[in-house]
Amino acid sequence: MAKQPGKRDTDELPAIGPVDWQAINRLLLETAEILDPDRASPAVRADLLQRRAEQAAQVSRQPDNVYTSVSILTFRLEVERYAVPVSSVLSVNVIHDLTPVPCVPPFYYGVTNLKGQIMSVLDLLVLFGIRPAVALDVNKITPRIIVVVEGAGLEIGLLVDEIGTVTQLSSERLVSAETLEHEWLSVVSAMTPDGLVLLDVEQLLRDPRLRIYEEAR
């Protein structure tokens, strides 16, 4: 179900320069104002949000093994906070169309056309068993945010409710996730004392339950 990546402009990354974290955070926080219905029409809000999301995704990547901290992108799923390494993030996008796919596990929310590429969209809360699956109503689709990640040779969109911030997470702030009792514990790298869950994208996309079409290829 997850899309095998092709050749992309990001395959050869330029030299890493300094990152203006304050500017990135300001950019992400402006999303709330863009979504205010009193400020702009739905079409204008959607266009602005798309441009903000594309700008926010242009973040320099750092090798995780060089520093004692890791660059992460945080996001919210209902009341829970999650994060993924920036090194695993390809883009942040606002999508306006989703197509349900029959005969797939319920955690696959659907597929979308992302700049000519058919991208699977994964509902992490359904995957983790936090909420039940809800059938996708194509007549009531509203703009949604997805974080496109890459790992284990695959690309997939993660459905999120809200983008948080891009920040540096020190290894000193991380605690073991072994206290969690969950079958998907293997995809959690670590947690912070305040409950932020850092996901291991490579481990998540390596799980055979997500590769439902691999044998058909």
N, C-alpha and C. Protein backbone atom coordinates (compact mmCIF):
# COMPACT_ATOMS: atom_id res chain seq x y z
N MET A 1 0.82 -1.20 0.00
CA MET A 1 0.00 0.00 0.00
C MET A 1 0.86 1.25 0.00
N ALA A 2 1.94 1.22 0.78
CA ALA A 2 2.83 2.37 0.81
C ALA A 2 3.58 2.48 -0.50
N LYS A 3 3.86 3.70 -0.91
CA LYS A 3 4.44 3.96 -2.22
C LYS A 3 5.93 3.81 -2.19
N GLN A 4 6.48 3.06 -3.16
CA GLN A 4 7.92 2.97 -3.31
C GLN A 4 8.43 4.29 -3.84
N PRO A 5 9.45 4.91 -3.22
CA PRO A 5 9.90 6.22 -3.65
C PRO A 5 10.65 6.15 -4.96
N GLY A 6 10.51 7.18 -5.75
CA GLY A 6 11.27 7.30 -6.98
C GLY A 6 12.37 8.32 -6.80
N LYS A 7 12.94 8.75 -7.90
CA LYS A 7 14.00 9.74 -7.86
C LYS A 7 13.42 11.09 -7.50
N ARG A 8 13.98 11.76 -6.52
CA ARG A 8 13.48 13.05 -6.09
C ARG A 8 14.62 14.05 -6.01
N ASP A 9 14.24 15.34 -5.99
CA ASP A 9 15.25 16.38 -5.90
C ASP A 9 16.00 16.30 -4.58
N THR A 10 15.37 15.72 -3.56
CA THR A 10 15.99 15.66 -2.25
C THR A 10 16.98 14.51 -2.12
N ASP A 11 17.17 13.72 -3.20
CA ASP A 11 18.10 12.60 -3.11
C ASP A 11 19.53 13.07 -2.89
N GLU A 12 19.85 14.28 -3.40
CA GLU A 12 21.17 14.85 -3.20
C GLU A 12 20.99 16.14 -2.43
N LEU A 13 21.20 16.08 -1.13
CA LEU A 13 20.95 17.23 -0.28
C LEU A 13 22.14 18.17 -0.28
N PRO A 14 21.91 19.49 -0.24
CA PRO A 14 23.00 20.44 -0.17
C PRO A 14 23.65 20.43 1.20
N ALA A 15 24.74 21.17 1.32
CA ALA A 15 25.42 21.26 2.60
C ALA A 15 24.49 21.88 3.63
N ILE A 16 24.59 21.39 4.85
CA ILE A 16 23.70 21.85 5.92
C ILE A 16 24.16 23.21 6.42
N GLY A 17 23.23 24.13 6.53
CA GLY A 17 23.52 25.44 7.06
C GLY A 17 22.77 25.66 8.35
N PRO A 18 22.95 26.84 8.97
CA PRO A 18 22.23 27.12 10.22
C PRO A 18 20.74 27.20 9.99
N VAL A 19 19.97 26.75 10.96
CA VAL A 19 18.51 26.73 10.85
C VAL A 19 17.93 27.82 11.74
N ASP A 20 17.05 28.64 11.19
CA ASP A 20 16.37 29.68 11.95
C ASP A 20 15.13 29.07 12.59
N TRP A 21 15.31 28.46 13.77
CA TRP A 21 14.21 27.75 14.42
C TRP A 21 13.08 28.69 14.81
N GLN A 22 13.40 29.91 15.23
CA GLN A 22 12.34 30.85 15.61
C GLN A 22 11.45 31.19 14.43
N ALA A 23 12.06 31.36 13.26
CA ALA A 23 11.28 31.67 12.07
C ALA A 23 10.37 30.51 11.70
N ILE A 24 10.88 29.30 11.82
CA ILE A 24 10.07 28.12 11.50
C ILE A 24 8.90 27.99 12.46
N ASN A 25 9.17 28.21 13.74
CA ASN A 25 8.09 28.12 14.72
C ASN A 25 7.02 29.17 14.49
N ARG A 26 7.44 30.40 14.16
CA ARG A 26 6.47 31.46 13.87
C ARG A 26 5.60 31.06 12.69
N LEU A 27 6.24 30.48 11.68
CA LEU A 27 5.51 30.06 10.48
C LEU A 27 4.44 29.03 10.82
N LEU A 28 4.78 28.07 11.66
CA LEU A 28 3.82 27.04 12.01
C LEU A 28 2.69 27.58 12.88
N LEU A 29 3.00 28.50 13.78
CA LEU A 29 1.98 29.04 14.66
C LEU A 29 0.98 29.92 13.91
N GLU A 30 1.39 30.48 12.77
CA GLU A 30 0.48 31.31 11.99
C GLU A 30 -0.65 30.48 11.37
N THR A 31 -0.51 29.17 11.37
CA THR A 31 -1.55 28.31 10.82
C THR A 31 -2.89 28.54 11.51
N ALA A 32 -2.86 28.76 12.81
CA ALA A 32 -4.11 28.98 13.55
C ALA A 32 -4.85 30.21 13.03
N GLU A 33 -4.10 31.27 12.70
CA GLU A 33 -4.75 32.47 12.18
C GLU A 33 -5.31 32.23 10.79
N ILE A 34 -4.60 31.47 9.99
CA ILE A 34 -5.06 31.19 8.63
C ILE A 34 -6.38 30.44 8.65
N LEU A 35 -6.54 29.55 9.63
CA LEU A 35 -7.75 28.73 9.71
C LEU A 35 -8.94 29.47 10.31
N ASP A 36 -8.73 30.70 10.78
CA ASP A 36 -9.82 31.48 11.37
C ASP A 36 -10.83 31.83 10.28
N PRO A 37 -12.08 31.34 10.35
CA PRO A 37 -13.06 31.58 9.30
C PRO A 37 -13.42 33.04 9.13
N ASP A 38 -13.15 33.89 10.13
CA ASP A 38 -13.48 35.31 10.02
C ASP A 38 -12.44 36.09 9.23
N ARG A 39 -11.33 35.47 8.90
CA ARG A 39 -10.24 36.18 8.25
C ARG A 39 -10.20 35.99 6.74
N ALA A 40 -10.69 34.86 6.26
CA ALA A 40 -10.60 34.61 4.81
C ALA A 40 -11.62 33.57 4.42
N SER A 41 -11.88 33.50 3.10
CA SER A 41 -12.81 32.51 2.58
C SER A 41 -12.18 31.12 2.67
N PRO A 42 -12.98 30.05 2.60
CA PRO A 42 -12.42 28.69 2.65
C PRO A 42 -11.37 28.44 1.59
N ALA A 43 -11.58 28.94 0.36
CA ALA A 43 -10.61 28.72 -0.71
C ALA A 43 -9.30 29.43 -0.42
N VAL A 44 -9.40 30.67 0.08
CA VAL A 44 -8.18 31.42 0.40
C VAL A 44 -7.45 30.78 1.56
N ARG A 45 -8.20 30.34 2.59
CA ARG A 45 -7.56 29.70 3.74
C ARG A 45 -6.83 28.42 3.32
N ALA A 46 -7.46 27.64 2.47
CA ALA A 46 -6.84 26.39 2.02
C ALA A 46 -5.56 26.66 1.25
N ASP A 47 -5.60 27.70 0.39
CA ASP A 47 -4.41 28.04 -0.40
C ASP A 47 -3.29 28.53 0.50
N LEU A 48 -3.62 29.39 1.45
CA LEU A 48 -2.60 29.91 2.36
C LEU A 48 -2.01 28.80 3.22
N LEU A 49 -2.88 27.91 3.70
CA LEU A 49 -2.41 26.82 4.54
C LEU A 49 -1.49 25.89 3.76
N GLN A 50 -1.81 25.65 2.49
CA GLN A 50 -0.95 24.81 1.65
C GLN A 50 0.43 25.43 1.52
N ARG A 51 0.47 26.75 1.27
CA ARG A 51 1.76 27.42 1.11
C ARG A 51 2.54 27.43 2.41
N ARG A 52 1.85 27.64 3.53
CA ARG A 52 2.53 27.60 4.82
C ARG A 52 3.11 26.21 5.10
N ALA A 53 2.35 25.20 4.78
CA ALA A 53 2.81 23.83 5.02
C ALA A 53 4.04 23.51 4.19
N GLU A 54 4.04 23.97 2.92
CA GLU A 54 5.19 23.71 2.06
C GLU A 54 6.43 24.44 2.58
N GLN A 55 6.24 25.68 3.05
CA GLN A 55 7.38 26.42 3.58
C GLN A 55 7.91 25.78 4.85
N ALA A 56 6.99 25.32 5.70
CA ALA A 56 7.41 24.72 6.97
C ALA A 56 8.19 23.44 6.76
N ALA A 57 7.96 22.77 5.63
CA ALA A 57 8.63 21.50 5.37
C ALA A 57 10.06 21.68 4.89
N GLN A 58 10.44 22.91 4.52
CA GLN A 58 11.78 23.16 4.01
C GLN A 58 12.75 23.33 5.17
N VAL A 59 13.02 22.25 5.86
CA VAL A 59 13.87 22.26 7.05
C VAL A 59 15.14 21.47 6.77
N SER A 60 16.29 22.02 7.14
CA SER A 60 17.55 21.31 6.95
C SER A 60 17.57 20.05 7.78
N ARG A 61 18.22 18.99 7.26
CA ARG A 61 18.28 17.71 7.95
C ARG A 61 19.67 17.49 8.52
N GLN A 62 19.74 16.95 9.70
CA GLN A 62 21.00 16.67 10.36
C GLN A 62 21.10 15.18 10.64
N PRO A 63 22.27 14.57 10.41
CA PRO A 63 22.43 13.16 10.79
C PRO A 63 22.26 12.99 12.29
N ASP A 64 21.40 12.03 12.69
CA ASP A 64 21.09 11.86 14.09
C ASP A 64 22.30 11.45 14.93
N ASN A 65 23.27 10.77 14.31
CA ASN A 65 24.38 10.23 15.09
C ASN A 65 25.51 11.23 15.29
N VAL A 66 25.35 12.47 14.82
CA VAL A 66 26.42 13.46 14.94
C VAL A 66 26.26 14.26 16.23
N TYR A 67 25.04 14.44 16.69
CA TYR A 67 24.77 15.31 17.82
C TYR A 67 24.13 14.52 18.97
N THR A 68 24.11 15.15 20.16
CA THR A 68 23.42 14.57 21.30
C THR A 68 21.96 14.98 21.33
N SER A 69 21.51 15.65 20.27
CA SER A 69 20.11 16.02 20.16
C SER A 69 19.63 15.69 18.75
N VAL A 70 18.32 15.62 18.59
CA VAL A 70 17.75 15.28 17.30
C VAL A 70 16.72 16.34 16.93
N SER A 71 16.69 16.70 15.65
CA SER A 71 15.68 17.64 15.15
C SER A 71 14.38 16.88 14.94
N ILE A 72 13.29 17.37 15.53
CA ILE A 72 12.02 16.67 15.42
C ILE A 72 10.91 17.62 14.97
N LEU A 73 9.90 17.05 14.33
CA LEU A 73 8.67 17.75 14.01
C LEU A 73 7.58 17.18 14.90
N THR A 74 6.94 18.03 15.68
CA THR A 74 5.89 17.56 16.57
C THR A 74 4.52 17.78 15.93
N PHE A 75 3.57 16.96 16.32
CA PHE A 75 2.21 17.11 15.83
C PHE A 75 1.24 16.52 16.84
N ARG A 76 -0.03 16.89 16.68
CA ARG A 76 -1.05 16.44 17.61
C ARG A 76 -2.03 15.50 16.92
N LEU A 77 -2.40 14.45 17.64
CA LEU A 77 -3.45 13.52 17.23
C LEU A 77 -4.45 13.48 18.37
N GLU A 78 -5.60 14.14 18.18
CA GLU A 78 -6.57 14.34 19.26
C GLU A 78 -5.85 15.01 20.42
N VAL A 79 -5.79 14.39 21.59
CA VAL A 79 -5.14 15.05 22.72
C VAL A 79 -3.69 14.58 22.91
N GLU A 80 -3.24 13.64 22.10
CA GLU A 80 -1.89 13.10 22.24
C GLU A 80 -0.90 13.86 21.37
N ARG A 81 0.34 13.96 21.86
CA ARG A 81 1.40 14.62 21.11
C ARG A 81 2.43 13.59 20.65
N TYR A 82 2.79 13.69 19.38
CA TYR A 82 3.77 12.79 18.79
C TYR A 82 4.84 13.61 18.08
N ALA A 83 5.91 12.93 17.71
CA ALA A 83 6.98 13.58 16.97
C ALA A 83 7.67 12.55 16.09
N VAL A 84 8.23 13.03 14.99
CA VAL A 84 9.06 12.21 14.11
C VAL A 84 10.35 12.97 13.83
N PRO A 85 11.45 12.28 13.60
CA PRO A 85 12.69 12.97 13.25
C PRO A 85 12.53 13.75 11.95
N VAL A 86 13.06 14.96 11.92
CA VAL A 86 13.01 15.77 10.70
C VAL A 86 13.70 15.03 9.55
N SER A 87 14.70 14.23 9.87
CA SER A 87 15.41 13.49 8.83
C SER A 87 14.52 12.50 8.10
N SER A 88 13.37 12.16 8.69
CA SER A 88 12.44 11.22 8.05
C SER A 88 11.31 11.94 7.30
N VAL A 89 11.22 13.26 7.45
CA VAL A 89 10.11 14.02 6.87
C VAL A 89 10.46 14.49 5.46
N LEU A 90 9.59 14.17 4.51
CA LEU A 90 9.76 14.65 3.14
C LEU A 90 9.00 15.94 2.90
N SER A 91 7.80 16.05 3.47
CA SER A 91 6.99 17.25 3.27
C SER A 91 5.83 17.27 4.24
N VAL A 92 5.25 18.45 4.38
CA VAL A 92 3.99 18.62 5.11
C VAL A 92 3.00 19.21 4.12
N ASN A 93 1.85 18.58 3.99
CA ASN A 93 0.91 18.97 2.94
C ASN A 93 -0.51 19.07 3.46
N VAL A 94 -1.27 19.97 2.85
CA VAL A 94 -2.71 20.03 3.07
C VAL A 94 -3.36 19.34 1.88
N ILE A 95 -4.17 18.33 2.15
CA ILE A 95 -4.82 17.59 1.07
C ILE A 95 -6.31 17.90 1.06
N HIS A 96 -6.88 17.92 -0.13
CA HIS A 96 -8.29 18.28 -0.30
C HIS A 96 -9.12 17.12 -0.83
N ASP A 97 -8.46 16.05 -1.23
CA ASP A 97 -9.20 14.90 -1.75
C ASP A 97 -8.62 13.61 -1.19
N LEU A 98 -9.49 12.70 -0.86
CA LEU A 98 -9.11 11.38 -0.38
C LEU A 98 -10.04 10.36 -1.02
N THR A 99 -9.45 9.26 -1.43
CA THR A 99 -10.23 8.19 -2.05
C THR A 99 -10.12 6.94 -1.19
N PRO A 100 -11.25 6.41 -0.72
CA PRO A 100 -11.19 5.16 0.06
C PRO A 100 -10.75 4.00 -0.81
N VAL A 101 -10.05 3.05 -0.22
CA VAL A 101 -9.58 1.87 -0.94
C VAL A 101 -10.22 0.64 -0.31
N PRO A 102 -10.93 -0.17 -1.08
CA PRO A 102 -11.58 -1.35 -0.51
C PRO A 102 -10.58 -2.46 -0.17
N CYS A 103 -10.98 -3.30 0.76
CA CYS A 103 -10.22 -4.52 1.09
C CYS A 103 -8.82 -4.23 1.61
N VAL A 104 -8.68 -3.17 2.39
CA VAL A 104 -7.41 -2.87 3.04
C VAL A 104 -7.67 -2.74 4.53
N PRO A 105 -6.63 -2.85 5.36
CA PRO A 105 -6.83 -2.69 6.80
C PRO A 105 -7.44 -1.32 7.12
N PRO A 106 -8.21 -1.22 8.19
CA PRO A 106 -8.91 0.02 8.50
C PRO A 106 -8.01 1.20 8.82
N PHE A 107 -6.74 0.94 9.18
CA PHE A 107 -5.87 2.06 9.49
C PHE A 107 -5.37 2.79 8.24
N TYR A 108 -5.63 2.24 7.06
CA TYR A 108 -5.37 2.99 5.82
C TYR A 108 -6.58 3.87 5.56
N TYR A 109 -6.41 5.17 5.76
CA TYR A 109 -7.53 6.10 5.67
C TYR A 109 -7.97 6.33 4.24
N GLY A 110 -7.07 6.13 3.29
CA GLY A 110 -7.37 6.31 1.88
C GLY A 110 -6.11 6.65 1.13
N VAL A 111 -6.28 7.07 -0.12
CA VAL A 111 -5.15 7.51 -0.93
C VAL A 111 -5.46 8.89 -1.48
N THR A 112 -4.41 9.65 -1.76
CA THR A 112 -4.57 10.98 -2.32
C THR A 112 -3.55 11.19 -3.42
N ASN A 113 -3.88 12.08 -4.34
CA ASN A 113 -2.96 12.43 -5.42
C ASN A 113 -2.12 13.60 -4.96
N LEU A 114 -0.85 13.34 -4.71
CA LEU A 114 0.05 14.36 -4.19
C LEU A 114 1.05 14.73 -5.27
N LYS A 115 0.73 15.79 -6.01
CA LYS A 115 1.60 16.27 -7.09
C LYS A 115 1.91 15.16 -8.09
N GLY A 116 0.87 14.42 -8.46
CA GLY A 116 1.02 13.37 -9.45
C GLY A 116 1.40 12.01 -8.90
N GLN A 117 1.66 11.92 -7.61
CA GLN A 117 2.02 10.66 -6.98
C GLN A 117 0.87 10.18 -6.10
N ILE A 118 0.46 8.94 -6.28
CA ILE A 118 -0.58 8.37 -5.44
C ILE A 118 0.02 8.00 -4.08
N MET A 119 -0.46 8.67 -3.05
CA MET A 119 0.11 8.52 -1.72
C MET A 119 -0.90 7.90 -0.76
N SER A 120 -0.49 6.83 -0.09
CA SER A 120 -1.33 6.23 0.94
C SER A 120 -1.33 7.10 2.19
N VAL A 121 -2.47 7.20 2.84
CA VAL A 121 -2.60 8.01 4.05
C VAL A 121 -2.93 7.08 5.22
N LEU A 122 -2.12 7.16 6.24
CA LEU A 122 -2.21 6.25 7.39
C LEU A 122 -2.80 6.98 8.59
N ASP A 123 -3.79 6.39 9.22
CA ASP A 123 -4.38 6.93 10.45
C ASP A 123 -3.72 6.23 11.63
N LEU A 124 -2.80 6.93 12.29
CA LEU A 124 -2.04 6.31 13.37
C LEU A 124 -2.91 5.94 14.56
N LEU A 125 -3.94 6.73 14.84
CA LEU A 125 -4.78 6.43 16.00
C LEU A 125 -5.56 5.14 15.81
N VAL A 126 -5.98 4.87 14.59
CA VAL A 126 -6.64 3.59 14.30
C VAL A 126 -5.61 2.47 14.34
N LEU A 127 -4.44 2.72 13.79
CA LEU A 127 -3.37 1.73 13.79
C LEU A 127 -3.01 1.31 15.21
N PHE A 128 -2.92 2.29 16.11
CA PHE A 128 -2.53 2.02 17.49
C PHE A 128 -3.70 1.56 18.35
N GLY A 129 -4.90 1.50 17.77
CA GLY A 129 -6.06 1.04 18.52
C GLY A 129 -6.60 2.06 19.51
N ILE A 130 -6.27 3.34 19.30
CA ILE A 130 -6.72 4.38 20.22
C ILE A 130 -8.15 4.81 19.90
N ARG A 131 -8.53 4.75 18.63
CA ARG A 131 -9.90 5.06 18.26
C ARG A 131 -10.35 4.09 17.17
N PRO A 132 -11.65 3.85 17.06
CA PRO A 132 -12.14 2.94 16.02
C PRO A 132 -12.08 3.60 14.65
N ALA A 133 -12.02 2.78 13.63
CA ALA A 133 -12.01 3.30 12.26
C ALA A 133 -13.38 3.85 11.91
N VAL A 134 -13.38 4.94 11.14
CA VAL A 134 -14.61 5.55 10.66
C VAL A 134 -14.57 5.55 9.14
N ALA A 135 -15.63 5.08 8.52
CA ALA A 135 -15.68 5.02 7.06
C ALA A 135 -15.52 6.41 6.46
N LEU A 136 -14.70 6.52 5.43
CA LEU A 136 -14.45 7.79 4.77
C LEU A 136 -15.64 8.16 3.91
N ASP A 137 -16.22 9.34 4.16
CA ASP A 137 -17.34 9.86 3.38
C ASP A 137 -16.78 10.85 2.37
N VAL A 138 -16.72 10.46 1.10
CA VAL A 138 -16.11 11.31 0.07
C VAL A 138 -16.91 12.58 -0.15
N ASN A 139 -18.15 12.63 0.32
CA ASN A 139 -18.98 13.82 0.15
C ASN A 139 -18.79 14.84 1.27
N LYS A 140 -18.03 14.45 2.29
CA LYS A 140 -17.84 15.35 3.43
C LYS A 140 -16.36 15.49 3.78
N ILE A 141 -15.51 15.53 2.77
CA ILE A 141 -14.08 15.64 3.01
C ILE A 141 -13.69 17.10 3.18
N THR A 142 -13.03 17.40 4.27
CA THR A 142 -12.51 18.73 4.53
C THR A 142 -10.99 18.69 4.41
N PRO A 143 -10.34 19.84 4.18
CA PRO A 143 -8.88 19.83 4.08
C PRO A 143 -8.24 19.20 5.31
N ARG A 144 -7.31 18.30 5.09
CA ARG A 144 -6.60 17.62 6.17
C ARG A 144 -5.10 17.80 5.98
N ILE A 145 -4.37 17.67 7.07
CA ILE A 145 -2.92 17.81 7.05
C ILE A 145 -2.29 16.42 7.11
N ILE A 146 -1.31 16.19 6.25
CA ILE A 146 -0.54 14.95 6.33
C ILE A 146 0.95 15.29 6.38
N VAL A 147 1.67 14.48 7.12
CA VAL A 147 3.13 14.56 7.16
C VAL A 147 3.65 13.38 6.36
N VAL A 148 4.31 13.66 5.24
CA VAL A 148 4.84 12.59 4.40
C VAL A 148 6.21 12.20 4.92
N VAL A 149 6.36 10.93 5.27
CA VAL A 149 7.61 10.44 5.82
C VAL A 149 8.17 9.33 4.94
N GLU A 150 9.45 9.09 5.10
CA GLU A 150 10.14 8.05 4.33
C GLU A 150 10.93 7.17 5.28
N GLY A 151 10.87 5.87 5.04
CA GLY A 151 11.64 4.93 5.84
C GLY A 151 11.51 3.53 5.27
N ALA A 152 12.52 2.73 5.44
CA ALA A 152 12.50 1.34 4.97
C ALA A 152 12.18 1.25 3.48
N GLY A 153 12.59 2.26 2.71
CA GLY A 153 12.36 2.25 1.27
C GLY A 153 10.96 2.61 0.85
N LEU A 154 10.15 3.13 1.76
CA LEU A 154 8.76 3.47 1.46
C LEU A 154 8.47 4.92 1.79
N GLU A 155 7.41 5.45 1.18
CA GLU A 155 6.89 6.77 1.51
C GLU A 155 5.42 6.62 1.86
N ILE A 156 4.97 7.37 2.87
CA ILE A 156 3.57 7.29 3.28
C ILE A 156 3.19 8.59 3.97
N GLY A 157 1.91 8.95 3.90
CA GLY A 157 1.42 10.15 4.56
C GLY A 157 0.78 9.80 5.90
N LEU A 158 1.18 10.51 6.93
CA LEU A 158 0.60 10.32 8.26
C LEU A 158 -0.45 11.40 8.50
N LEU A 159 -1.67 10.98 8.76
CA LEU A 159 -2.76 11.91 9.02
C LEU A 159 -2.56 12.54 10.40
N VAL A 160 -2.56 13.88 10.47
CA VAL A 160 -2.39 14.57 11.75
C VAL A 160 -3.50 15.59 11.92
N ASP A 161 -3.78 15.94 13.17
CA ASP A 161 -4.81 16.94 13.45
C ASP A 161 -4.23 18.35 13.46
N GLU A 162 -2.99 18.47 13.89
CA GLU A 162 -2.38 19.79 14.00
C GLU A 162 -0.87 19.66 14.00
N ILE A 163 -0.21 20.54 13.25
CA ILE A 163 1.25 20.59 13.26
C ILE A 163 1.70 21.40 14.47
N GLY A 164 2.72 20.92 15.16
CA GLY A 164 3.23 21.62 16.33
C GLY A 164 4.40 22.51 15.97
N THR A 165 5.60 22.08 16.33
CA THR A 165 6.79 22.88 16.08
C THR A 165 7.92 21.99 15.59
N VAL A 166 8.92 22.63 15.03
CA VAL A 166 10.19 21.97 14.73
C VAL A 166 11.17 22.41 15.80
N THR A 167 11.77 21.45 16.47
CA THR A 167 12.62 21.79 17.60
C THR A 167 13.74 20.78 17.75
N GLN A 168 14.69 21.10 18.60
CA GLN A 168 15.78 20.19 18.94
C GLN A 168 15.41 19.47 20.23
N LEU A 169 15.48 18.16 20.21
CA LEU A 169 15.17 17.36 21.39
C LEU A 169 16.45 16.73 21.91
N SER A 170 16.86 17.13 23.10
CA SER A 170 18.08 16.61 23.69
C SER A 170 17.87 15.18 24.17
N SER A 171 18.89 14.36 23.98
CA SER A 171 18.80 12.98 24.44
C SER A 171 18.64 12.90 25.95
N GLU A 172 19.06 13.95 26.65
CA GLU A 172 18.92 13.96 28.10
C GLU A 172 17.46 14.05 28.54
N ARG A 173 16.59 14.53 27.64
CA ARG A 173 15.17 14.67 27.97
C ARG A 173 14.37 13.40 27.69
N LEU A 174 14.99 12.44 27.04
CA LEU A 174 14.27 11.24 26.64
C LEU A 174 14.25 10.20 27.75
N VAL A 175 13.12 9.53 27.87
CA VAL A 175 12.99 8.43 28.82
C VAL A 175 12.55 7.20 28.05
N SER A 176 12.77 6.04 28.62
CA SER A 176 12.41 4.79 27.96
C SER A 176 10.90 4.66 27.82
N ALA A 177 10.50 4.06 26.71
CA ALA A 177 9.07 3.81 26.48
C ALA A 177 8.67 2.40 26.90
N GLU A 178 9.54 1.71 27.62
CA GLU A 178 9.26 0.32 27.99
C GLU A 178 8.07 0.19 28.93
N THR A 179 7.68 1.30 29.58
CA THR A 179 6.54 1.23 30.49
C THR A 179 5.22 1.17 29.73
N LEU A 180 5.25 1.49 28.43
CA LEU A 180 4.03 1.42 27.63
C LEU A 180 3.65 -0.04 27.39
N GLU A 181 2.39 -0.34 27.50
CA GLU A 181 1.90 -1.68 27.21
C GLU A 181 1.12 -1.63 25.91
N HIS A 182 1.78 -1.94 24.81
CA HIS A 182 1.13 -1.81 23.52
C HIS A 182 1.85 -2.69 22.50
N GLU A 183 1.09 -3.27 21.59
CA GLU A 183 1.70 -4.14 20.58
C GLU A 183 2.57 -3.37 19.60
N TRP A 184 2.38 -2.06 19.51
CA TRP A 184 3.18 -1.24 18.60
C TRP A 184 4.32 -0.54 19.33
N LEU A 185 4.69 -1.04 20.50
CA LEU A 185 5.76 -0.42 21.27
C LEU A 185 7.06 -0.34 20.48
N SER A 186 7.27 -1.28 19.57
CA SER A 186 8.52 -1.33 18.81
C SER A 186 8.71 -0.11 17.92
N VAL A 187 7.64 0.62 17.60
CA VAL A 187 7.77 1.79 16.72
C VAL A 187 7.96 3.07 17.52
N VAL A 188 8.03 2.97 18.84
CA VAL A 188 8.26 4.14 19.68
C VAL A 188 9.73 4.18 20.07
N SER A 189 10.43 5.24 19.66
CA SER A 189 11.85 5.37 19.99
C SER A 189 12.03 5.68 21.47
N ALA A 190 11.27 6.66 21.94
CA ALA A 190 11.39 7.10 23.32
C ALA A 190 10.25 8.06 23.62
N MET A 191 10.21 8.55 24.86
CA MET A 191 9.22 9.53 25.27
C MET A 191 9.92 10.63 26.06
N THR A 192 9.21 11.73 26.25
CA THR A 192 9.69 12.77 27.15
C THR A 192 8.86 12.71 28.42
N PRO A 193 9.36 13.26 29.51
CA PRO A 193 8.60 13.19 30.77
C PRO A 193 7.21 13.80 30.68
N ASP A 194 7.01 14.77 29.76
CA ASP A 194 5.69 15.39 29.64
C ASP A 194 4.79 14.68 28.64
N GLY A 195 5.19 13.49 28.16
CA GLY A 195 4.29 12.66 27.37
C GLY A 195 4.43 12.74 25.87
N LEU A 196 5.41 13.46 25.35
CA LEU A 196 5.63 13.49 23.90
C LEU A 196 6.20 12.15 23.45
N VAL A 197 5.57 11.54 22.45
CA VAL A 197 5.98 10.22 21.96
C VAL A 197 6.78 10.38 20.67
N LEU A 198 8.03 9.95 20.68
CA LEU A 198 8.89 10.02 19.50
C LEU A 198 8.80 8.70 18.75
N LEU A 199 8.34 8.77 17.51
CA LEU A 199 8.14 7.56 16.70
C LEU A 199 9.39 7.22 15.91
N ASP A 200 9.63 5.93 15.74
CA ASP A 200 10.71 5.42 14.90
C ASP A 200 10.11 5.12 13.53
N VAL A 201 10.27 6.05 12.59
CA VAL A 201 9.64 5.92 11.28
C VAL A 201 10.17 4.70 10.54
N GLU A 202 11.46 4.46 10.62
CA GLU A 202 12.05 3.32 9.94
C GLU A 202 11.41 2.01 10.42
N GLN A 203 11.27 1.88 11.72
CA GLN A 203 10.68 0.67 12.29
C GLN A 203 9.20 0.56 11.94
N LEU A 204 8.50 1.69 11.94
CA LEU A 204 7.08 1.69 11.61
C LEU A 204 6.84 1.20 10.19
N LEU A 205 7.59 1.73 9.24
CA LEU A 205 7.35 1.38 7.84
C LEU A 205 7.96 0.03 7.47
N ARG A 206 8.76 -0.53 8.35
CA ARG A 206 9.31 -1.86 8.10
C ARG A 206 8.32 -2.95 8.52
N ASP A 207 7.32 -2.59 9.30
CA ASP A 207 6.37 -3.59 9.80
C ASP A 207 5.60 -4.22 8.64
N PRO A 208 5.55 -5.54 8.55
CA PRO A 208 4.90 -6.21 7.42
C PRO A 208 3.40 -5.93 7.33
N ARG A 209 2.78 -5.52 8.42
CA ARG A 209 1.34 -5.23 8.37
C ARG A 209 1.00 -4.02 7.52
N LEU A 210 2.00 -3.17 7.26
CA LEU A 210 1.77 -1.99 6.43
C LEU A 210 2.03 -2.26 4.96
N ARG A 211 2.65 -3.39 4.63
CA ARG A 211 3.04 -3.68 3.25
C ARG A 211 2.08 -4.69 2.65
N ILE A 212 0.83 -4.31 2.52
CA ILE A 212 -0.19 -5.27 2.12
C ILE A 212 -0.14 -5.63 0.66
N TYR A 213 0.55 -4.83 -0.16
CA TYR A 213 0.60 -5.12 -1.59
C TYR A 213 1.97 -5.62 -2.03
N GLU A 214 2.87 -5.81 -1.09
CA GLU A 214 4.22 -6.20 -1.48
C GLU A 214 4.24 -7.51 -2.23
N GLU A 215 3.42 -8.50 -1.80
CA GLU A 215 3.47 -9.81 -2.44
C GLU A 215 2.87 -9.77 -3.84
N ALA A 216 2.03 -8.78 -4.09
CA ALA A 216 1.38 -8.69 -5.40
C ALA A 216 2.28 -8.09 -6.46
N ARG A 217 3.37 -7.46 -6.03
CA ARG A 217 4.25 -6.81 -7.00
C ARG A 217 5.12 -7.83 -7.71
